[in-house]
Amino acid sequence: MAFFKLETIEQMALTRIEVCQGRHRPYRENVPSIEANIREANDKGIPVSVHLPIYIPDDYPWDFLDAFYLDKDPEKVERAFAVLEDNLKRLQKYHIAYGVLHFAGVYEEAETPEAFNRRLKRACDRLEALAAAYDVKVLVEYFGSNVNFYDVNDWIACFKPYKSIGILLDICHYYFAAKWRAFDFKDNLQLLSSHAEAFHLWTTYGDGVYQEAEGYVKFHHIVPNIEQTEANGWAFDTIDVLSVIAKAGKPMIIEASPHYLSYDYYIDSIKGIQKFIHSL
């Protein structure tokens, strides 16, 4: 929202927004503008999702997007859930379409399925109870960063029994997961898209994943453009991905940083995506 004003969103006929914290200054200094954006969106009837958490304690020792809900350390788990509950409680005064949560964490230590699945079930049950108690949908963002929990079928089976929590499919995190964990990007995209309740869309280029990918290192999240193709070095053919996820009819957030090329490229890319989706 720092890159766009709501007036620009409306002028471009975009139909929803998502707010998120930022790292460019102390977290608490971002809160007033985030809350103002939520209030304005609510007043205008524009659906708004919230990338949790927004409210981070000054003494919080980790990055605000680090996830410890599945950690072996009970103190980390309790701290993570405490921050989450505080956020859900403080956001109750607004109308929130859904919250987005990093949940799986980054873990490369393989565990026995029995031990990990018990902890996963406890965390999911607790997350479901919190979301239900504060009457908000919480969508867990798909990542392949946990060696015990990246399989697409495992994600689908995990969240299927719940009503107040579900899956958000972030296309580029999913792309990185497919490379990292060596599974088929296209086949599993269709499957996971059919079970996702919302999408994040951005792209990248270069070999490797995350800090090994040149595009991610230089520009973080790059705005998708319908001219981008795998043959030209991009992560995927943007049109092919759009053809799959647009047909799901679920909320789609373009979660791109403004650093690649220019503002005009950013705007023109979004307009191209809109035109393509309307043609489907």
Protein backbone atom coordinates (compact mmCIF):
# COMPACT_ATOMS: atom_id res chain seq x y z
CA MET A 1 0.00 0.00 0.00
CA ALA A 2 2.98 2.34 0.28
CA PHE A 3 3.35 2.07 -3.51
CA PHE A 4 -0.32 2.72 -4.32
CA LYS A 5 -3.03 4.96 -3.00
CA LEU A 6 -6.56 3.61 -2.78
CA GLU A 7 -7.56 6.12 -5.45
CA THR A 8 -5.14 4.43 -7.85
CA ILE A 9 -6.58 1.03 -6.97
CA GLU A 10 -10.07 2.29 -7.76
CA GLN A 11 -9.00 4.02 -10.98
CA MET A 12 -7.46 0.76 -12.22
CA ALA A 13 -10.65 -1.14 -11.36
CA LEU A 14 -8.78 -3.40 -8.97
CA THR A 15 -11.21 -4.91 -6.50
CA ARG A 16 -9.29 -5.68 -3.31
CA ILE A 17 -6.17 -4.86 -1.32
CA GLU A 18 -3.86 -6.60 1.13
CA VAL A 19 -1.92 -4.80 3.85
CA CYS A 20 1.35 -5.95 5.36
CA GLN A 21 4.07 -4.80 7.72
CA GLY A 22 7.43 -3.60 6.40
CA ARG A 23 11.07 -3.63 7.38
CA HIS A 24 12.02 -0.10 6.28
CA ARG A 25 11.47 1.37 9.77
CA PRO A 26 10.42 0.17 13.26
CA TYR A 27 7.27 -1.93 13.04
CA ARG A 28 5.21 0.29 15.35
CA GLU A 29 5.80 3.28 13.05
CA ASN A 30 4.04 1.46 10.20
CA VAL A 31 0.90 0.67 12.18
CA PRO A 32 -0.93 4.03 11.83
CA SER A 33 -0.74 4.02 8.02
CA ILE A 34 -1.73 0.34 7.86
CA GLU A 35 -4.75 0.95 10.07
CA ALA A 36 -5.67 4.03 8.01
CA ASN A 37 -5.61 1.94 4.83
CA ILE A 38 -7.85 -0.70 6.43
CA ARG A 39 -10.33 1.93 7.63
CA GLU A 40 -10.44 3.63 4.24
CA ALA A 41 -10.93 0.31 2.45
CA ASN A 42 -13.71 -0.61 4.89
CA ASP A 43 -15.38 2.78 4.35
CA LYS A 44 -15.25 2.32 0.58
CA GLY A 45 -16.43 -1.29 0.71
CA ILE A 46 -13.17 -2.60 -0.76
CA PRO A 47 -12.32 -6.09 0.53
CA VAL A 48 -9.07 -6.06 2.52
CA SER A 49 -6.92 -8.98 3.63
CA VAL A 50 -4.20 -8.68 6.24
CA HIS A 51 -0.81 -10.35 6.02
CA LEU A 52 -0.29 -11.25 9.67
CA PRO A 53 1.16 -10.06 11.95
CA ILE A 54 0.70 -6.30 11.88
CA TYR A 55 1.27 -5.68 15.58
CA ILE A 56 4.73 -6.85 16.69
CA PRO A 57 6.09 -6.33 20.21
CA ASP A 58 9.18 -4.16 20.48
CA ASP A 59 11.04 -7.02 22.14
CA TYR A 60 10.11 -9.61 19.51
CA PRO A 61 13.49 -11.25 18.72
CA TRP A 62 12.78 -12.55 15.21
CA ASP A 63 11.71 -11.21 11.85
CA PHE A 64 7.98 -10.54 11.77
CA LEU A 65 7.44 -13.15 9.03
CA ASP A 66 9.38 -15.95 10.73
CA ALA A 67 7.08 -18.81 11.71
CA PHE A 68 7.45 -20.97 14.83
CA TYR A 69 4.03 -22.59 15.15
CA LEU A 70 5.55 -25.99 14.33
CA ASP A 71 8.78 -25.54 16.30
CA LYS A 72 10.01 -28.13 18.78
CA ASP A 73 10.68 -25.38 21.30
CA PRO A 74 7.44 -24.80 23.25
CA GLU A 75 8.51 -21.28 24.24
CA LYS A 76 8.81 -20.26 20.58
CA VAL A 77 5.44 -21.83 19.85
CA GLU A 78 3.78 -19.97 22.72
CA ARG A 79 5.36 -16.66 21.70
CA ALA A 80 4.20 -17.10 18.11
CA PHE A 81 0.62 -17.92 19.11
CA ALA A 82 0.55 -15.06 21.63
CA VAL A 83 1.50 -12.53 18.95
CA LEU A 84 -1.04 -14.02 16.57
CA GLU A 85 -3.87 -13.88 19.11
CA ASP A 86 -3.02 -10.29 19.99
CA ASN A 87 -3.28 -9.42 16.30
CA LEU A 88 -6.61 -11.16 15.80
CA LYS A 89 -7.99 -9.45 18.89
CA ARG A 90 -6.86 -5.98 17.80
CA LEU A 91 -8.13 -6.45 14.24
CA GLN A 92 -11.64 -7.38 15.39
CA LYS A 93 -12.81 -3.78 15.05
CA TYR A 94 -12.25 -3.94 11.29
CA HIS A 95 -13.88 -5.94 8.54
CA ILE A 96 -11.16 -8.31 7.36
CA ALA A 97 -11.80 -10.63 4.41
CA TYR A 98 -9.11 -13.03 5.65
CA GLY A 99 -5.73 -13.10 7.33
CA VAL A 100 -2.61 -14.53 5.69
CA LEU A 101 -0.13 -16.43 7.83
CA HIS A 102 3.34 -17.88 7.38
CA PHE A 103 2.97 -21.14 9.29
CA ALA A 104 5.25 -23.94 8.12
CA GLY A 105 8.58 -22.37 9.10
CA VAL A 106 12.03 -23.17 7.76
CA TYR A 107 13.20 -26.61 8.89
CA GLU A 108 15.62 -29.04 7.27
CA GLU A 109 15.74 -31.62 10.06
CA ALA A 110 13.67 -34.61 8.99
CA GLU A 111 11.49 -36.07 11.73
CA THR A 112 9.48 -39.24 11.97
CA PRO A 113 6.05 -38.66 10.41
CA GLU A 114 4.35 -39.69 13.65
CA ALA A 115 6.16 -37.12 15.80
CA PHE A 116 5.82 -34.28 13.33
CA ASN A 117 2.19 -34.96 12.48
CA ARG A 118 1.20 -34.89 16.15
CA ARG A 119 2.73 -31.44 16.48
CA LEU A 120 1.19 -30.32 13.20
CA LYS A 121 -2.27 -31.47 14.33
CA ARG A 122 -1.94 -29.64 17.65
CA ALA A 123 -0.90 -26.44 15.91
CA CYS A 124 -3.68 -26.64 13.31
CA ASP A 125 -6.31 -27.35 15.96
CA ARG A 126 -5.09 -24.36 17.95
CA LEU A 127 -5.04 -22.12 14.88
CA GLU A 128 -8.57 -23.23 13.96
CA ALA A 129 -9.80 -22.46 17.47
CA LEU A 130 -8.24 -18.98 17.43
CA ALA A 131 -9.63 -18.11 14.00
CA ALA A 132 -13.09 -19.31 15.01
CA ALA A 133 -12.97 -17.44 18.33
CA TYR A 134 -12.19 -14.14 16.58
CA ASP A 135 -14.51 -14.87 13.64
CA VAL A 136 -11.92 -14.47 10.91
CA LYS A 137 -10.69 -16.77 8.19
CA VAL A 138 -6.94 -17.43 8.38
CA LEU A 139 -5.24 -18.70 5.24
CA VAL A 140 -1.91 -20.44 5.65
CA GLU A 141 0.52 -19.50 2.91
CA TYR A 142 2.00 -22.45 1.04
CA PHE A 143 5.76 -22.87 1.42
CA GLY A 144 8.14 -25.74 0.69
CA SER A 145 10.55 -24.59 3.38
CA ASN A 146 9.75 -27.35 5.89
CA VAL A 147 11.25 -30.69 4.88
CA ASN A 148 8.52 -32.44 6.87
CA PHE A 149 5.63 -30.51 5.33
CA TYR A 150 5.91 -29.56 1.67
CA ASP A 151 4.04 -32.29 -0.22
CA VAL A 152 1.01 -30.80 -1.95
CA ASN A 153 -1.21 -33.73 -1.02
CA ASP A 154 -0.15 -33.42 2.62
CA TRP A 155 -1.15 -29.74 2.62
CA ILE A 156 -4.53 -30.51 1.09
CA ALA A 157 -5.23 -33.32 3.54
CA CYS A 158 -4.04 -31.26 6.49
CA PHE A 159 -6.38 -28.30 6.04
CA LYS A 160 -9.37 -30.03 4.48
CA PRO A 161 -11.13 -30.84 7.81
CA TYR A 162 -11.10 -27.24 9.04
CA LYS A 163 -13.63 -24.46 8.50
CA SER A 164 -11.82 -21.35 9.78
CA ILE A 165 -8.38 -22.01 8.29
CA GLY A 166 -7.33 -22.89 4.76
CA ILE A 167 -4.61 -22.56 2.12
CA LEU A 168 -3.31 -19.52 0.27
CA LEU A 169 -1.22 -20.47 -2.74
CA ASP A 170 1.70 -18.12 -3.32
CA ILE A 171 2.78 -18.93 -6.86
CA CYS A 172 6.46 -18.05 -6.57
CA HIS A 173 6.95 -19.66 -3.16
CA TYR A 174 5.33 -22.69 -4.76
CA TYR A 175 7.73 -22.38 -7.72
CA PHE A 176 10.71 -22.31 -5.35
CA ALA A 177 9.28 -25.32 -3.51
CA ALA A 178 9.00 -27.31 -6.74
CA LYS A 179 12.68 -26.63 -7.49
CA TRP A 180 13.82 -27.19 -3.89
CA ARG A 181 11.88 -30.39 -3.31
CA ALA A 182 12.03 -31.66 -6.92
CA PHE A 183 8.37 -32.10 -7.75
CA ASP A 184 6.44 -31.24 -10.90
CA PHE A 185 5.41 -27.58 -11.02
CA LYS A 186 2.63 -27.75 -13.61
CA ASP A 187 0.81 -30.90 -12.49
CA ASN A 188 0.76 -29.93 -8.84
CA LEU A 189 -0.22 -26.33 -9.66
CA GLN A 190 -3.55 -27.50 -11.01
CA LEU A 191 -4.13 -29.70 -7.97
CA LEU A 192 -3.20 -27.18 -5.29
CA SER A 193 -5.02 -24.33 -7.05
CA SER A 194 -8.24 -26.29 -6.85
CA HIS A 195 -7.93 -26.38 -3.04
CA ALA A 196 -6.57 -22.87 -2.44
CA GLU A 197 -8.87 -20.14 -1.19
CA ALA A 198 -6.72 -17.23 -2.40
CA PHE A 199 -3.53 -16.54 -4.35
CA HIS A 200 -0.42 -14.39 -4.22
CA LEU A 201 1.17 -13.71 -7.59
CA TRP A 202 4.72 -12.50 -8.29
CA THR A 203 7.67 -13.88 -10.21
CA THR A 204 11.45 -14.06 -10.43
CA TYR A 205 14.30 -15.25 -12.63
CA GLY A 206 17.65 -17.00 -12.26
CA ASP A 207 18.85 -20.38 -11.10
CA GLY A 208 18.33 -21.73 -7.61
CA VAL A 209 15.86 -20.70 -4.93
CA TYR A 210 15.54 -17.55 -2.83
CA GLN A 211 19.01 -16.11 -2.15
CA GLU A 212 20.44 -18.25 -4.97
CA ALA A 213 18.05 -16.73 -7.54
CA GLU A 214 19.37 -13.54 -9.15
CA GLY A 215 15.95 -11.94 -9.60
CA TYR A 216 14.98 -12.53 -5.99
CA VAL A 217 18.24 -11.10 -4.67
CA LYS A 218 18.10 -7.98 -6.85
CA PHE A 219 14.39 -7.21 -6.85
CA HIS A 220 12.69 -9.48 -4.28
CA HIS A 221 9.14 -9.98 -5.64
CA ILE A 222 8.92 -8.97 -9.32
CA VAL A 223 5.62 -7.93 -10.83
CA PRO A 224 4.30 -10.61 -13.22
CA ASN A 225 3.85 -9.67 -16.87
CA ILE A 226 2.07 -11.66 -19.56
CA GLU A 227 5.16 -11.41 -21.79
CA GLN A 228 7.32 -13.29 -19.28
CA THR A 229 8.11 -16.87 -20.32
CA GLU A 230 10.22 -19.69 -18.99
CA ALA A 231 12.03 -19.79 -22.35
CA ASN A 232 13.16 -16.21 -21.74
CA GLY A 233 14.59 -17.01 -18.33
CA TRP A 234 11.60 -16.33 -16.10
CA ALA A 235 10.40 -18.72 -13.42
CA PHE A 236 7.32 -19.74 -15.39
CA ASP A 237 5.07 -18.68 -18.25
CA THR A 238 2.88 -16.07 -16.59
CA ILE A 239 0.01 -16.67 -19.03
CA ASP A 240 -0.02 -20.40 -18.29
CA VAL A 241 -0.18 -19.78 -14.54
CA LEU A 242 -2.90 -17.15 -14.93
CA SER A 243 -4.91 -19.56 -17.06
CA VAL A 244 -4.99 -21.98 -14.13
CA ILE A 245 -5.50 -19.73 -11.14
CA ALA A 246 -7.90 -17.20 -12.70
CA LYS A 247 -10.37 -19.96 -13.45
CA ALA A 248 -10.51 -20.82 -9.75
CA GLY A 249 -12.43 -17.57 -9.20
CA LYS A 250 -10.68 -16.88 -5.88
CA PRO A 251 -9.05 -13.67 -4.60
CA MET A 252 -5.74 -12.90 -6.30
CA ILE A 253 -3.24 -10.45 -4.85
CA ILE A 254 -0.33 -9.21 -6.95
CA GLU A 255 2.31 -9.27 -4.22
CA ALA A 256 5.14 -7.54 -6.04
CA SER A 257 7.81 -5.09 -4.95
CA PRO A 258 8.18 -1.87 -7.00
CA HIS A 259 11.90 -2.30 -7.61
CA TYR A 260 12.01 -3.96 -11.04
CA LEU A 261 12.38 -1.56 -14.01
CA SER A 262 9.87 1.27 -13.51
CA TYR A 263 6.52 2.39 -12.16
CA ASP A 264 5.15 2.39 -15.72
CA TYR A 265 6.25 -1.23 -16.20
CA TYR A 266 4.51 -2.14 -12.95
CA ILE A 267 1.24 -0.47 -13.96
CA ASP A 268 1.34 -1.77 -17.54
CA SER A 269 2.01 -5.31 -16.24
CA ILE A 270 -1.06 -5.20 -14.02
CA LYS A 271 -3.17 -3.83 -16.87
CA GLY A 272 -1.96 -6.62 -19.13
CA ILE A 273 -2.93 -9.21 -16.52
CA GLN A 274 -6.37 -7.63 -16.16
CA LYS A 275 -6.92 -7.68 -19.92
CA PHE A 276 -5.84 -11.31 -20.17
CA ILE A 277 -8.07 -12.44 -17.30
CA HIS A 278 -11.08 -10.63 -18.79
CA SER A 279 -10.45 -12.49 -22.06
CA LEU A 280 -10.76 -15.91 -20.45
